[in-house]
Amino acid sequence: MAQSIYKTKDGKNKILNSYDEFLNKWPVPFDSEYIETSYGRTHLLKCGETEKPPLFLLHGTGTNLLMWMGDIENYCKKFRVCLVDIIGEPGRSDETRLSLKDGSHGLWLKEIIKKSGYEKVNIAGYSIGGWMALNFAVNFPEMVNKLVLFAPSGIYKPKVIFIFKAMFYMFLGKYGQKKINQTLTNNREMDYESFEFGLLVSKYFRWRLDQIPVYTDTQLGNLNMPVLYIGGEKDSLLYSTESAKRLQSILPESRVRIVANGGHVLFDLYNKCSEFISL
C-alpha cells in the first residue's frame, strides 16, 4: 500500500476541514463533482455558464483548486471554468501520485476533459500545474485551444537551493512558514487565512521531492496552439528569464511576460492573462 501524502490522519482532517471552510466562502455558484479516472478519483469545481468556452485551471503543489478563489469571479465572466484538484495534492482528489517521467498526467487530464464532455479546451496551469498542462498539451495539442503557463516547471532547469532552505524552515513553525512565504512571494504579504493553510500543509503534508523533468525541444515544438508564459523576475524556484528565452527560441510566436519584482507566487493572475485568453 502506498504511503499516504499526509503525515497523520489528524493532519489530513485538519487540512481538509480548512479546505471546506474556504469552500464555504466561494464567491460564485458552483457544481462540485468527482470524475473516476484510470489513475484515481478526481474532484472538480465547475463555475460559470455552461455554454461559455471551457477553461481548465491546474494549481501548484502543496495547495488545491482553492488557490484560484480570488480571481474566479473574473474568469467566470467569459468561461465555463473547470477547476481541478490535482491527485496526490492536499485537496479532495485521491492521494495517487503519478510518475513525472512519462505521459501519465496528460492521459489523466485527457480522461477528465473527455468525461466533462469536451473535445478542445483552454488550459492554465501554475508551477507544477503548468508542467502538467504542458504534459497534456505536448501529447494532445489538438485538444488545446490556448495554453497559459504561470511560473511553470519543465521549460528550464530549476533552482535547487530553495528546496534546502524550505526543508530547514519547515522545522521553525510560524516563523519558518513566514520565511518560506517571503521567499516565494519576494516579500509580499499573504492574507492570514492563506498563511494558516500553508502552515497546516507544511506541518502535515508530504511534499513531492522527485525531480521534475524538463521537456525537450521536440516536445515543446509540438505546441501548435497560442501559448502565454508568465514568470516572476525574482522567482526563487525557477529561472524565469531563461525559461522565457528558451520557449521563444522554440516557439517564436509564443507570448512571454516577466513580472517585475515578482516571485514564484504571483498575484492578480487574471489581469495578467485576460487579454490573451479572451481574444
Protein backbone atom coordinates (compact mmCIF):
# COMPACT_ATOMS: atom_id res chain seq x y z
CA MET A 1 0.00 0.00 0.00
CA ALA A 2 1.37 3.41 -0.99
CA GLN A 3 2.36 5.81 1.75
CA SER A 4 -0.23 8.50 2.48
CA ILE A 5 0.55 12.02 1.29
CA TYR A 6 -0.38 13.13 4.82
CA LYS A 7 1.85 12.56 7.82
CA THR A 8 -1.06 11.73 10.14
CA LYS A 9 -4.81 11.11 9.87
CA ASP A 10 -5.43 14.02 12.20
CA GLY A 11 -3.32 16.26 9.98
CA LYS A 12 -5.27 15.15 6.91
CA ASN A 13 -8.54 16.00 8.66
CA LYS A 14 -7.26 19.43 9.66
CA ILE A 15 -6.21 20.24 6.10
CA LEU A 16 -9.50 19.04 4.60
CA ASN A 17 -11.55 20.84 7.25
CA SER A 18 -9.71 24.03 6.34
CA TYR A 19 -10.44 23.27 2.67
CA ASP A 20 -14.16 23.04 3.42
CA GLU A 21 -14.09 26.31 5.36
CA PHE A 22 -12.58 28.07 2.34
CA LEU A 23 -15.09 26.42 0.01
CA ASN A 24 -17.97 27.72 2.13
CA LYS A 25 -16.79 31.23 1.19
CA TRP A 26 -16.60 30.51 -2.56
CA PRO A 27 -17.92 33.69 -4.19
CA VAL A 28 -19.83 32.24 -7.18
CA PRO A 29 -22.29 29.36 -7.70
CA PHE A 30 -20.55 26.09 -8.48
CA ASP A 31 -21.04 22.40 -9.20
CA SER A 32 -18.84 20.02 -7.22
CA GLU A 33 -18.25 16.66 -8.86
CA TYR A 34 -15.98 13.66 -8.85
CA ILE A 35 -14.70 12.01 -12.01
CA GLU A 36 -13.45 8.44 -11.95
CA THR A 37 -10.27 8.03 -14.00
CA SER A 38 -7.85 5.18 -14.61
CA TYR A 39 -5.45 6.98 -12.27
CA GLY A 40 -7.75 7.88 -9.40
CA ARG A 41 -10.90 9.70 -8.37
CA THR A 42 -10.59 13.39 -9.17
CA HIS A 43 -12.54 16.28 -7.66
CA LEU A 44 -13.56 19.30 -9.74
CA LEU A 45 -15.46 22.51 -9.23
CA LYS A 46 -17.27 23.88 -12.26
CA CYS A 47 -18.38 27.51 -12.36
CA GLY A 48 -19.79 29.88 -14.94
CA GLU A 49 -22.43 29.42 -17.62
CA THR A 50 -22.30 26.04 -19.34
CA GLU A 51 -22.48 27.49 -22.86
CA LYS A 52 -19.31 29.54 -22.41
CA PRO A 53 -15.95 28.17 -23.67
CA PRO A 54 -14.21 25.80 -21.21
CA LEU A 55 -11.18 26.85 -19.20
CA PHE A 56 -9.38 24.25 -17.08
CA LEU A 57 -7.25 25.51 -14.19
CA LEU A 58 -4.44 23.46 -12.61
CA HIS A 59 -2.97 24.64 -9.31
CA GLY A 60 0.55 24.30 -7.93
CA THR A 61 1.93 21.78 -5.47
CA GLY A 62 1.12 21.94 -1.77
CA THR A 63 -2.23 23.55 -2.48
CA ASN A 64 -5.51 22.81 -4.30
CA LEU A 65 -8.12 24.36 -6.56
CA LEU A 66 -8.96 26.96 -3.91
CA MET A 67 -5.84 28.90 -4.95
CA TRP A 68 -7.94 30.36 -7.80
CA MET A 69 -10.60 31.72 -5.45
CA GLY A 70 -9.53 35.37 -5.61
CA ASP A 71 -9.94 35.60 -9.40
CA ILE A 72 -12.78 33.16 -10.00
CA GLU A 73 -15.47 35.82 -10.48
CA ASN A 74 -13.47 37.34 -13.34
CA TYR A 75 -12.78 34.02 -15.04
CA CYS A 76 -16.47 33.12 -14.87
CA LYS A 77 -17.49 36.22 -16.82
CA LYS A 78 -16.12 34.70 -20.01
CA PHE A 79 -15.62 30.98 -19.36
CA ARG A 80 -17.11 27.80 -18.04
CA VAL A 81 -14.32 27.28 -15.51
CA CYS A 82 -13.31 23.75 -14.54
CA LEU A 83 -11.02 23.77 -11.51
CA VAL A 84 -9.18 20.53 -10.83
CA ASP A 85 -7.92 19.20 -7.50
CA ILE A 86 -4.74 17.53 -8.72
CA ILE A 87 -4.44 13.97 -7.46
CA GLY A 88 -1.69 13.48 -4.92
CA GLU A 89 -2.05 17.02 -3.57
CA PRO A 90 -3.84 18.33 -0.44
CA GLY A 91 -7.33 18.62 -1.90
CA ARG A 92 -10.40 16.42 -2.36
CA SER A 93 -9.00 14.09 -5.04
CA ASP A 94 -7.37 10.69 -4.45
CA GLU A 95 -3.89 10.59 -2.95
CA THR A 96 -2.43 8.81 -6.00
CA ARG A 97 0.84 10.29 -7.23
CA LEU A 98 1.56 9.75 -10.89
CA SER A 99 5.02 9.42 -12.37
CA LEU A 100 6.65 12.60 -13.63
CA LYS A 101 8.75 10.57 -16.06
CA ASP A 102 6.06 9.76 -18.61
CA GLY A 103 2.76 10.98 -20.03
CA SER A 104 0.56 9.82 -17.15
CA HIS A 105 -0.56 13.32 -16.17
CA GLY A 106 -1.53 14.12 -19.74
CA LEU A 107 -3.56 10.92 -20.02
CA TRP A 108 -5.20 11.60 -16.64
CA LEU A 109 -6.18 15.09 -17.75
CA LYS A 110 -7.42 13.79 -21.10
CA GLU A 111 -9.83 11.47 -19.29
CA ILE A 112 -11.11 14.34 -17.14
CA ILE A 113 -11.67 16.59 -20.16
CA LYS A 114 -13.36 13.87 -22.19
CA LYS A 115 -15.62 12.84 -19.31
CA SER A 116 -16.53 16.50 -18.82
CA GLY A 117 -17.87 16.45 -22.37
CA TYR A 118 -15.18 18.49 -24.14
CA GLU A 119 -13.00 17.85 -27.18
CA LYS A 120 -10.95 21.06 -27.06
CA VAL A 121 -10.32 23.40 -24.13
CA ASN A 122 -8.30 26.31 -22.82
CA ILE A 123 -5.86 25.40 -20.05
CA ALA A 124 -3.96 27.43 -17.48
CA GLY A 125 -1.51 25.84 -15.07
CA TYR A 126 0.57 27.16 -12.19
CA SER A 127 4.03 25.86 -11.25
CA ILE A 128 3.80 22.05 -11.31
CA GLY A 129 0.27 22.54 -12.61
CA GLY A 130 1.92 24.30 -15.54
CA TRP A 131 4.16 21.27 -16.02
CA MET A 132 1.06 19.06 -16.06
CA ALA A 133 -0.69 21.37 -18.53
CA LEU A 134 2.40 21.04 -20.74
CA ASN A 135 2.33 17.26 -20.33
CA PHE A 136 -1.17 17.28 -21.76
CA ALA A 137 -0.54 19.89 -24.44
CA VAL A 138 2.63 18.35 -25.91
CA ASN A 139 0.90 14.97 -26.21
CA PHE A 140 -2.56 16.12 -27.27
CA PRO A 141 -2.09 19.52 -28.95
CA GLU A 142 -5.26 19.04 -30.98
CA MET A 143 -7.27 19.26 -27.73
CA VAL A 144 -5.87 22.62 -26.59
CA ASN A 145 -7.23 25.93 -27.81
CA LYS A 146 -4.94 28.19 -25.75
CA LEU A 147 -2.31 27.45 -23.12
CA VAL A 148 -1.38 29.75 -20.23
CA LEU A 149 1.69 28.91 -18.12
CA PHE A 150 2.14 30.68 -14.79
CA ALA A 151 5.67 30.13 -13.43
CA PRO A 152 5.72 26.62 -14.91
CA SER A 153 8.24 23.92 -14.22
CA GLY A 154 9.62 21.93 -17.12
CA ILE A 155 10.95 24.58 -19.51
CA TYR A 156 14.32 25.22 -17.87
CA LYS A 157 16.23 23.61 -15.02
CA PRO A 158 15.07 24.67 -11.51
CA LYS A 159 16.95 26.44 -8.74
CA VAL A 160 17.72 23.69 -6.25
CA ILE A 161 18.81 25.91 -3.34
CA PHE A 162 15.21 26.76 -2.38
CA ILE A 163 14.42 23.14 -1.57
CA PHE A 164 17.13 23.01 1.09
CA LYS A 165 16.05 26.35 2.55
CA ALA A 166 12.41 25.25 2.68
CA MET A 167 13.24 21.95 4.38
CA PHE A 168 15.10 23.89 7.08
CA TYR A 169 12.36 26.49 7.54
CA MET A 170 9.66 23.83 7.91
CA PHE A 171 11.08 22.95 11.33
CA LEU A 172 10.65 26.53 12.58
CA GLY A 173 6.87 26.76 12.87
CA LYS A 174 5.17 30.05 12.05
CA TYR A 175 8.47 31.87 11.76
CA GLY A 176 9.70 29.32 9.23
CA GLN A 177 6.45 29.47 7.26
CA LYS A 178 6.73 33.24 7.13
CA LYS A 179 10.27 32.94 5.77
CA ILE A 180 9.09 30.46 3.12
CA ASN A 181 6.28 32.82 2.10
CA GLN A 182 8.65 35.77 1.90
CA THR A 183 10.95 33.77 -0.33
CA LEU A 184 8.14 32.57 -2.60
CA THR A 185 6.41 35.96 -2.91
CA ASN A 186 9.56 38.13 -2.95
CA ASN A 187 8.48 39.71 0.35
CA ARG A 188 4.83 40.35 -0.47
CA GLU A 189 2.36 39.67 2.33
CA MET A 190 -0.13 36.80 2.12
CA ASP A 191 -3.55 37.05 3.69
CA TYR A 192 -3.95 35.47 7.11
CA GLU A 193 -6.14 32.53 6.02
CA SER A 194 -3.76 31.51 3.23
CA PHE A 195 -0.86 31.76 5.66
CA GLU A 196 -2.63 29.49 8.16
CA PHE A 197 -3.44 26.93 5.45
CA GLY A 198 0.21 26.96 4.38
CA LEU A 199 1.15 26.28 7.98
CA LEU A 200 -1.08 23.18 8.05
CA VAL A 201 0.38 21.93 4.78
CA SER A 202 3.95 22.43 5.98
CA LYS A 203 3.17 20.52 9.16
CA TYR A 204 1.10 17.62 7.85
CA PHE A 205 1.68 17.19 4.10
CA ARG A 206 4.40 15.08 2.48
CA TRP A 207 5.84 17.14 -0.37
CA ARG A 208 6.92 15.60 -3.65
CA LEU A 209 10.69 15.50 -3.72
CA ASP A 210 11.23 13.77 -7.06
CA GLN A 211 12.90 15.79 -9.79
CA ILE A 212 10.61 17.47 -12.30
CA PRO A 213 11.77 16.69 -15.86
CA VAL A 214 12.50 19.40 -18.41
CA TYR A 215 10.72 19.00 -21.74
CA THR A 216 12.81 18.52 -24.86
CA ASP A 217 12.88 20.90 -27.80
CA THR A 218 10.93 18.35 -29.80
CA GLN A 219 8.23 18.06 -27.16
CA LEU A 220 7.83 21.83 -26.79
CA GLY A 221 7.82 22.11 -30.56
CA ASN A 222 4.55 20.15 -30.56
CA LEU A 223 2.77 23.17 -29.04
CA ASN A 224 0.94 24.44 -32.08
CA MET A 225 -1.62 26.45 -30.10
CA PRO A 226 -1.22 30.05 -28.82
CA VAL A 227 0.95 29.98 -25.68
CA LEU A 228 1.40 32.60 -22.97
CA TYR A 229 4.26 32.31 -20.46
CA ILE A 230 4.23 34.44 -17.30
CA GLY A 231 7.07 34.29 -14.77
CA GLY A 232 8.35 36.37 -11.89
CA GLU A 233 11.61 38.27 -12.23
CA LYS A 234 12.61 37.22 -8.70
CA ASP A 235 11.30 33.65 -8.77
CA SER A 236 13.15 31.71 -6.07
CA LEU A 237 12.41 28.30 -7.62
CA LEU A 238 12.80 28.84 -11.35
CA TYR A 239 14.91 30.76 -13.85
CA SER A 240 12.09 32.76 -15.39
CA THR A 241 14.08 34.80 -17.89
CA GLU A 242 15.92 31.74 -19.17
CA SER A 243 12.63 29.82 -19.39
CA ALA A 244 11.03 32.59 -21.42
CA LYS A 245 14.01 32.82 -23.77
CA ARG A 246 14.07 29.07 -24.36
CA LEU A 247 10.34 28.93 -25.02
CA GLN A 248 10.52 31.75 -27.55
CA SER A 249 13.52 30.23 -29.27
CA ILE A 250 11.44 27.09 -29.88
CA LEU A 251 8.08 28.84 -30.33
CA PRO A 252 8.78 32.29 -31.81
CA GLU A 253 5.08 33.16 -31.82
CA SER A 254 4.59 32.44 -28.12
CA ARG A 255 3.99 35.37 -25.81
CA VAL A 256 6.09 35.87 -22.69
CA ARG A 257 5.87 38.25 -19.77
CA ILE A 258 8.34 38.64 -16.92
CA VAL A 259 6.66 40.31 -13.94
CA ALA A 260 8.99 42.94 -12.47
CA ASN A 261 9.97 42.04 -8.89
CA GLY A 262 7.55 39.10 -8.99
CA GLY A 263 8.33 35.96 -7.02
CA HIS A 264 7.30 32.38 -7.68
CA VAL A 265 3.93 33.19 -6.14
CA LEU A 266 2.32 35.70 -8.45
CA PHE A 267 -0.71 37.84 -7.70
CA ASP A 268 -3.64 39.17 -9.74
CA LEU A 269 -3.32 36.34 -12.25
CA TYR A 270 -6.47 37.05 -14.21
CA ASN A 271 -5.41 40.54 -15.20
CA LYS A 272 -2.06 39.18 -16.34
CA CYS A 273 -3.65 36.77 -18.81
CA SER A 274 -7.15 38.08 -19.54
CA GLU A 275 -6.34 39.82 -22.81
CA PHE A 276 -4.64 36.71 -24.18
CA ILE A 277 -7.28 34.15 -23.24
CA SER A 278 -10.21 36.39 -24.16
CA LEU A 279 -9.13 37.06 -27.76
